């Protein structure tokens, strides 16, 4: 094993520990509830545009009949 492999392994472990350490912090309400936030729903659809009635309809391909 070379020194480069050992160095990169230690660097990877250190960055993983730092990453998981910062996961426990949450943004304050001052940051999350501000008025000039980007409206991401304009760019990324969070909900499917199909209606519930379309979901209830069965297609011919998905219908299995017992004979």
PDB file of N, CA and C in Angstrom:
ATOM      1  N   UNK A   1       0.846  -1.173   0.000  1.00  0.00           N
ATOM      2  CA  UNK A   1       0.000   0.000   0.000  1.00  0.00           C
ATOM      3  C   UNK A   1       0.894   1.241   0.000  1.00  0.00           C
ATOM      4  N   UNK A   2       0.569   2.156  -0.855  1.00  0.00           N
ATOM      5  CA  UNK A   2       1.394   3.358  -0.937  1.00  0.00           C
ATOM      6  C   UNK A   2       0.879   4.427   0.027  1.00  0.00           C
ATOM      7  N   UNK A   3       1.691   5.436   0.192  1.00  0.00           N
ATOM      8  CA  UNK A   3       1.302   6.540   1.077  1.00  0.00           C
ATOM      9  C   UNK A   3       0.114   7.307   0.515  1.00  0.00           C
ATOM     10  N   UNK A   4       0.026   7.352  -0.799  1.00  0.00           N
ATOM     11  CA  UNK A   4      -1.108   8.045  -1.428  1.00  0.00           C
ATOM     12  C   UNK A   4      -2.427   7.343  -1.090  1.00  0.00           C
ATOM     13  N   UNK A   5      -2.425   6.020  -1.120  1.00  0.00           N
ATOM     14  CA  UNK A   5      -3.634   5.260  -0.794  1.00  0.00           C
ATOM     15  C   UNK A   5      -4.050   5.489   0.659  1.00  0.00           C
ATOM     16  N   UNK A   6      -3.078   5.468   1.539  1.00  0.00           N
ATOM     17  CA  UNK A   6      -3.362   5.697   2.958  1.00  0.00           C
ATOM     18  C   UNK A   6      -3.878   7.115   3.173  1.00  0.00           C
ATOM     19  N   UNK A   7      -3.242   8.088   2.520  1.00  0.00           N
ATOM     20  CA  UNK A   7      -3.661   9.489   2.649  1.00  0.00           C
ATOM     21  C   UNK A   7      -5.086   9.688   2.141  1.00  0.00           C
ATOM     22  N   UNK A   8      -5.391   9.124   0.975  1.00  0.00           N
ATOM     23  CA  UNK A   8      -6.739   9.282   0.417  1.00  0.00           C
ATOM     24  C   UNK A   8      -7.784   8.546   1.255  1.00  0.00           C
ATOM     25  N   UNK A   9      -7.425   7.428   1.843  1.00  0.00           N
ATOM     26  CA  UNK A   9      -8.346   6.726   2.736  1.00  0.00           C
ATOM     27  C   UNK A   9      -8.659   7.538   3.971  1.00  0.00           C
ATOM     28  N   UNK A  10      -7.619   8.121   4.582  1.00  0.00           N
ATOM     29  CA  UNK A  10      -7.823   8.960   5.770  1.00  0.00           C
ATOM     30  C   UNK A  10      -8.629  10.202   5.410  1.00  0.00           C
ATOM     31  N   UNK A  11      -8.319  10.792   4.258  1.00  0.00           N
ATOM     32  CA  UNK A  11      -9.070  11.968   3.803  1.00  0.00           C
ATOM     33  C   UNK A  11     -10.545  11.628   3.572  1.00  0.00           C
ATOM     34  N   UNK A  12     -10.831  10.461   3.003  1.00  0.00           N
ATOM     35  CA  UNK A  12     -12.209  10.030   2.779  1.00  0.00           C
ATOM     36  C   UNK A  12     -12.954   9.801   4.082  1.00  0.00           C
ATOM     37  N   UNK A  13     -12.297   9.154   5.037  1.00  0.00           N
ATOM     38  CA  UNK A  13     -12.934   8.929   6.338  1.00  0.00           C
ATOM     39  C   UNK A  13     -13.182  10.238   7.074  1.00  0.00           C
ATOM     40  N   UNK A  14     -12.223  11.136   7.019  1.00  0.00           N
ATOM     41  CA  UNK A  14     -12.379  12.435   7.666  1.00  0.00           C
ATOM     42  C   UNK A  14     -13.539  13.213   7.053  1.00  0.00           C
ATOM     43  N   UNK A  15     -13.631  13.213   5.718  1.00  0.00           N
ATOM     44  CA  UNK A  15     -14.738  13.941   5.098  1.00  0.00           C
ATOM     45  C   UNK A  15     -16.085  13.303   5.407  1.00  0.00           C
ATOM     46  N   UNK A  16     -16.141  11.977   5.528  1.00  0.00           N
ATOM     47  CA  UNK A  16     -17.404  11.321   5.892  1.00  0.00           C
ATOM     48  C   UNK A  16     -17.813  11.712   7.311  1.00  0.00           C
ATOM     49  N   UNK A  17     -16.864  11.735   8.241  1.00  0.00           N
ATOM     50  CA  UNK A  17     -17.191  12.139   9.613  1.00  0.00           C
ATOM     51  C   UNK A  17     -17.654  13.591   9.678  1.00  0.00           C
ATOM     52  N   UNK A  18     -17.015  14.473   8.934  1.00  0.00           N
ATOM     53  CA  UNK A  18     -17.432  15.884   8.916  1.00  0.00           C
ATOM     54  C   UNK A  18     -18.828  16.011   8.322  1.00  0.00           C
ATOM     55  N   UNK A  19     -19.086  15.278   7.243  1.00  0.00           N
ATOM     56  CA  UNK A  19     -20.401  15.317   6.604  1.00  0.00           C
ATOM     57  C   UNK A  19     -21.495  14.882   7.575  1.00  0.00           C
ATOM     58  N   UNK A  20     -21.301  13.756   8.258  1.00  0.00           N
ATOM     59  CA  UNK A  20     -22.315  13.275   9.191  1.00  0.00           C
ATOM     60  C   UNK A  20     -22.422  14.157  10.429  1.00  0.00           C
ATOM     61  N   UNK A  21     -21.357  14.829  10.793  1.00  0.00           N
ATOM     62  CA  UNK A  21     -21.420  15.767  11.917  1.00  0.00           C
ATOM     63  C   UNK A  21     -22.324  16.945  11.579  1.00  0.00           C
ATOM     64  N   UNK A  22     -22.209  17.482  10.357  1.00  0.00           N
ATOM     65  CA  UNK A  22     -23.012  18.638   9.970  1.00  0.00           C
ATOM     66  C   UNK A  22     -24.460  18.282   9.644  1.00  0.00           C
ATOM     67  N   UNK A  23     -24.778  17.006   9.512  1.00  0.00           N
ATOM     68  CA  UNK A  23     -26.166  16.601   9.253  1.00  0.00           C
ATOM     69  C   UNK A  23     -27.094  16.907  10.423  1.00  0.00           C
ATOM     70  N   UNK A  24     -26.559  17.012  11.615  1.00  0.00           N
ATOM     71  CA  UNK A  24     -27.431  17.222  12.769  1.00  0.00           C
ATOM     72  C   UNK A  24     -27.881  18.673  12.921  1.00  0.00           C
ATOM     73  N   UNK A  25     -27.315  19.573  12.161  1.00  0.00           N
ATOM     74  CA  UNK A  25     -27.710  20.971  12.235  1.00  0.00           C
ATOM     75  C   UNK A  25     -28.825  21.263  11.246  1.00  0.00           C
ATOM     76  N   UNK A  26     -29.763  22.102  11.658  1.00  0.00           N
ATOM     77  CA  UNK A  26     -30.904  22.453  10.815  1.00  0.00           C
ATOM     78  C   UNK A  26     -30.922  23.964  10.609  1.00  0.00           C
ATOM     79  N   UNK A  27     -31.400  24.386   9.471  1.00  0.00           N
ATOM     80  CA  UNK A  27     -31.503  25.813   9.197  1.00  0.00           C
ATOM     81  C   UNK A  27     -32.541  26.447  10.119  1.00  0.00           C
ATOM     82  N   UNK A  28     -32.311  27.682  10.479  1.00  0.00           N
ATOM     83  CA  UNK A  28     -33.236  28.379  11.372  1.00  0.00           C
ATOM     84  C   UNK A  28     -34.503  28.775  10.613  1.00  0.00           C
ATOM     85  N   UNK A  29     -35.541  29.107  11.354  1.00  0.00           N
ATOM     86  CA  UNK A  29     -36.788  29.536  10.705  1.00  0.00           C
ATOM     87  C   UNK A  29     -36.598  30.857   9.983  1.00  0.00           C
ATOM     88  N   UNK A  30     -35.639  31.667  10.429  1.00  0.00           N
ATOM     89  CA  UNK A  30     -35.355  32.919   9.728  1.00  0.00           C
ATOM     90  C   UNK A  30     -34.862  32.631   8.303  1.00  0.00           C
ATOM     91  N   UNK A  31     -34.137  31.543   8.135  1.00  0.00           N
ATOM     92  CA  UNK A  31     -33.653  31.170   6.810  1.00  0.00           C
ATOM     93  C   UNK A  31     -34.719  30.457   5.989  1.00  0.00           C
ATOM     94  N   UNK A  32     -35.502  29.602   6.632  1.00  0.00           N
ATOM     95  CA  UNK A  32     -36.452  28.787   5.871  1.00  0.00           C
ATOM     96  C   UNK A  32     -37.764  29.493   5.575  1.00  0.00           C
ATOM     97  N   UNK A  33     -38.152  30.473   6.366  1.00  0.00           N
ATOM     98  CA  UNK A  33     -39.440  31.143   6.193  1.00  0.00           C
ATOM     99  C   UNK A  33     -39.301  32.562   5.660  1.00  0.00           C
ATOM    100  N   UNK A  34     -38.274  32.845   4.923  1.00  0.00           N
ATOM    101  CA  UNK A  34     -38.093  34.204   4.411  1.00  0.00           C
ATOM    102  C   UNK A  34     -38.975  34.455   3.190  1.00  0.00           C
ATOM    103  N   UNK A  35     -39.220  35.713   2.885  1.00  0.00           N
ATOM    104  CA  UNK A  35     -40.161  36.073   1.832  1.00  0.00           C
ATOM    105  C   UNK A  35     -39.608  35.981   0.430  1.00  0.00           C
ATOM    106  N   UNK A  36     -38.301  36.072   0.264  1.00  0.00           N
ATOM    107  CA  UNK A  36     -37.737  36.103  -1.088  1.00  0.00           C
ATOM    108  C   UNK A  36     -37.164  34.753  -1.517  1.00  0.00           C
ATOM    109  N   UNK A  37     -37.794  33.678  -1.060  1.00  0.00           N
ATOM    110  CA  UNK A  37     -37.334  32.344  -1.432  1.00  0.00           C
ATOM    111  C   UNK A  37     -37.650  32.046  -2.883  1.00  0.00           C
ATOM    112  N   UNK A  38     -36.862  31.188  -3.498  1.00  0.00           N
ATOM    113  CA  UNK A  38     -37.118  30.756  -4.863  1.00  0.00           C
ATOM    114  C   UNK A  38     -38.296  29.790  -4.848  1.00  0.00           C
ATOM    115  N   UNK A  39     -39.238  29.984  -5.739  1.00  0.00           N
ATOM    116  CA  UNK A  39     -40.393  29.089  -5.847  1.00  0.00           C
ATOM    117  C   UNK A  39     -39.993  27.911  -6.736  1.00  0.00           C
ATOM    118  N   UNK A  40     -39.437  26.872  -6.136  1.00  0.00           N
ATOM    119  CA  UNK A  40     -38.935  25.743  -6.901  1.00  0.00           C
ATOM    120  C   UNK A  40     -40.053  24.974  -7.583  1.00  0.00           C
ATOM    121  N   UNK A  41     -41.284  25.101  -7.103  1.00  0.00           N
ATOM    122  CA  UNK A  41     -42.383  24.360  -7.712  1.00  0.00           C
ATOM    123  C   UNK A  41     -42.651  24.829  -9.143  1.00  0.00           C
ATOM    124  N   UNK A  42     -42.171  26.020  -9.495  1.00  0.00           N
ATOM    125  CA  UNK A  42     -42.296  26.466 -10.887  1.00  0.00           C
ATOM    126  C   UNK A  42     -41.412  25.628 -11.801  1.00  0.00           C
ATOM    127  N   UNK A  43     -40.272  25.208 -11.286  1.00  0.00           N
ATOM    128  CA  UNK A  43     -39.287  24.513 -12.096  1.00  0.00           C
ATOM    129  C   UNK A  43     -39.333  22.999 -11.923  1.00  0.00           C
ATOM    130  N   UNK A  44     -39.675  22.544 -10.724  1.00  0.00           N
ATOM    131  CA  UNK A  44     -39.693  21.116 -10.424  1.00  0.00           C
ATOM    132  C   UNK A  44     -41.099  20.746  -9.974  1.00  0.00           C
ATOM    133  N   UNK A  45     -41.813  19.941 -10.750  1.00  0.00           N
ATOM    134  CA  UNK A  45     -43.159  19.549 -10.316  1.00  0.00           C
ATOM    135  C   UNK A  45     -43.081  18.539  -9.178  1.00  0.00           C
ATOM    136  N   UNK A  46     -43.643  18.902  -8.030  1.00  0.00           N
ATOM    137  CA  UNK A  46     -43.606  18.026  -6.875  1.00  0.00           C
ATOM    138  C   UNK A  46     -44.727  17.014  -6.901  1.00  0.00           C
ATOM    139  N   UNK A  47     -45.799  17.328  -7.567  1.00  0.00           N
ATOM    140  CA  UNK A  47     -46.941  16.426  -7.648  1.00  0.00           C
ATOM    141  C   UNK A  47     -47.198  16.086  -9.104  1.00  0.00           C
ATOM    142  N   UNK A  48     -47.712  14.895  -9.290  1.00  0.00           N
ATOM    143  CA  UNK A  48     -48.073  14.481 -10.636  1.00  0.00           C
ATOM    144  C   UNK A  48     -49.337  15.236 -11.050  1.00  0.00           C
ATOM    145  N   UNK A  49     -49.387  15.677 -12.273  1.00  0.00           N
ATOM    146  CA  UNK A  49     -50.507  16.489 -12.746  1.00  0.00           C
ATOM    147  C   UNK A  49     -51.760  15.669 -13.031  1.00  0.00           C
ATOM    148  N   UNK A  50     -51.681  14.335 -13.020  1.00  0.00           N
ATOM    149  CA  UNK A  50     -52.858  13.533 -13.317  1.00  0.00           C
ATOM    150  C   UNK A  50     -53.836  13.588 -12.154  1.00  0.00           C
ATOM    151  N   UNK A  51     -55.079  13.470 -12.473  1.00  0.00           N
ATOM    152  CA  UNK A  51     -56.108  13.512 -11.439  1.00  0.00           C
ATOM    153  C   UNK A  51     -56.268  12.135 -10.799  1.00  0.00           C
ATOM    154  N   UNK A  52     -56.953  12.104  -9.689  1.00  0.00           N
ATOM    155  CA  UNK A  52     -57.171  10.849  -8.971  1.00  0.00           C
ATOM    156  C   UNK A  52     -58.049   9.886  -9.783  1.00  0.00           C
ATOM    157  N   UNK A  53     -58.951  10.428 -10.584  1.00  0.00           N
ATOM    158  CA  UNK A  53     -59.834   9.577 -11.369  1.00  0.00           C
ATOM    159  C   UNK A  53     -59.054   8.794 -12.408  1.00  0.00           C
ATOM    160  N   UNK A  54     -58.027   9.415 -12.982  1.00  0.00           N
ATOM    161  CA  UNK A  54     -57.214   8.722 -13.969  1.00  0.00           C
ATOM    162  C   UNK A  54     -56.444   7.573 -13.332  1.00  0.00           C
ATOM    163  N   UNK A  55     -56.087   7.720 -12.084  1.00  0.00           N
ATOM    164  CA  UNK A  55     -55.349   6.672 -11.405  1.00  0.00           C
ATOM    165  C   UNK A  55     -56.239   5.476 -11.094  1.00  0.00           C
ATOM    166  N   UNK A  56     -57.532   5.724 -10.902  1.00  0.00           N
ATOM    167  CA  UNK A  56     -58.456   4.652 -10.567  1.00  0.00           C
ATOM    168  C   UNK A  56     -58.804   3.808 -11.790  1.00  0.00           C
ATOM    169  N   UNK A  57     -58.726   4.382 -12.975  1.00  0.00           N
ATOM    170  CA  UNK A  57     -59.062   3.650 -14.191  1.00  0.00           C
ATOM    171  C   UNK A  57     -58.016   2.570 -14.444  1.00  0.00           C
ATOM    172  N   UNK A  58     -58.496   1.407 -14.852  1.00  0.00           N
ATOM    173  CA  UNK A  58     -57.587   0.325 -15.170  1.00  0.00           C
ATOM    174  C   UNK A  58     -57.390   0.263 -16.670  1.00  0.00           C
ATOM    175  N   UNK A  59     -56.200  -0.054 -17.075  1.00  0.00           N
ATOM    176  CA  UNK A  59     -55.960  -0.207 -18.504  1.00  0.00           C
ATOM    177  C   UNK A  59     -56.216  -1.656 -18.894  1.00  0.00           C
ATOM    178  N   UNK A  60     -56.363  -1.905 -20.163  1.00  0.00           N
ATOM    179  CA  UNK A  60     -56.601  -3.249 -20.664  1.00  0.00           C
ATOM    180  C   UNK A  60     -55.402  -4.148 -20.372  1.00  0.00           C
ATOM    181  N   UNK A  61     -54.206  -3.597 -20.422  1.00  0.00           N
ATOM    182  CA  UNK A  61     -53.004  -4.401 -20.218  1.00  0.00           C
ATOM    183  C   UNK A  61     -52.854  -4.876 -18.781  1.00  0.00           C
ATOM    184  N   UNK A  62     -53.324  -4.080 -17.841  1.00  0.00           N
ATOM    185  CA  UNK A  62     -53.123  -4.398 -16.431  1.00  0.00           C
ATOM    186  C   UNK A  62     -54.241  -5.237 -15.840  1.00  0.00           C
ATOM    187  N   UNK A  63     -55.294  -5.476 -16.575  1.00  0.00           N
ATOM    188  CA  UNK A  63     -56.428  -6.223 -16.051  1.00  0.00           C
ATOM    189  C   UNK A  63     -56.212  -7.713 -16.287  1.00  0.00           C
ATOM    190  N   UNK A  64     -56.257  -8.473 -15.206  1.00  0.00           N
ATOM    191  CA  UNK A  64     -56.123  -9.923 -15.316  1.00  0.00           C
ATOM    192  C   UNK A  64     -57.466 -10.544 -14.946  1.00  0.00           C
ATOM    193  N   UNK A  65     -57.940 -11.419 -15.793  1.00  0.00           N
ATOM    194  CA  UNK A  65     -59.244 -12.042 -15.589  1.00  0.00           C
ATOM    195  C   UNK A  65     -59.048 -13.508 -15.287  1.00  0.00           C
ATOM    196  N   UNK A  66     -59.815 -14.005 -14.326  1.00  0.00           N
ATOM    197  CA  UNK A  66     -59.807 -15.435 -14.024  1.00  0.00           C
ATOM    198  C   UNK A  66     -60.826 -16.115 -14.920  1.00  0.00           C
ATOM    199  N   UNK A  67     -60.411 -17.191 -15.583  1.00  0.00           N
ATOM    200  CA  UNK A  67     -61.340 -17.940 -16.431  1.00  0.00           C
ATOM    201  C   UNK A  67     -61.879 -19.148 -15.736  1.00  0.00           C
TER     202      UNK A  67
END
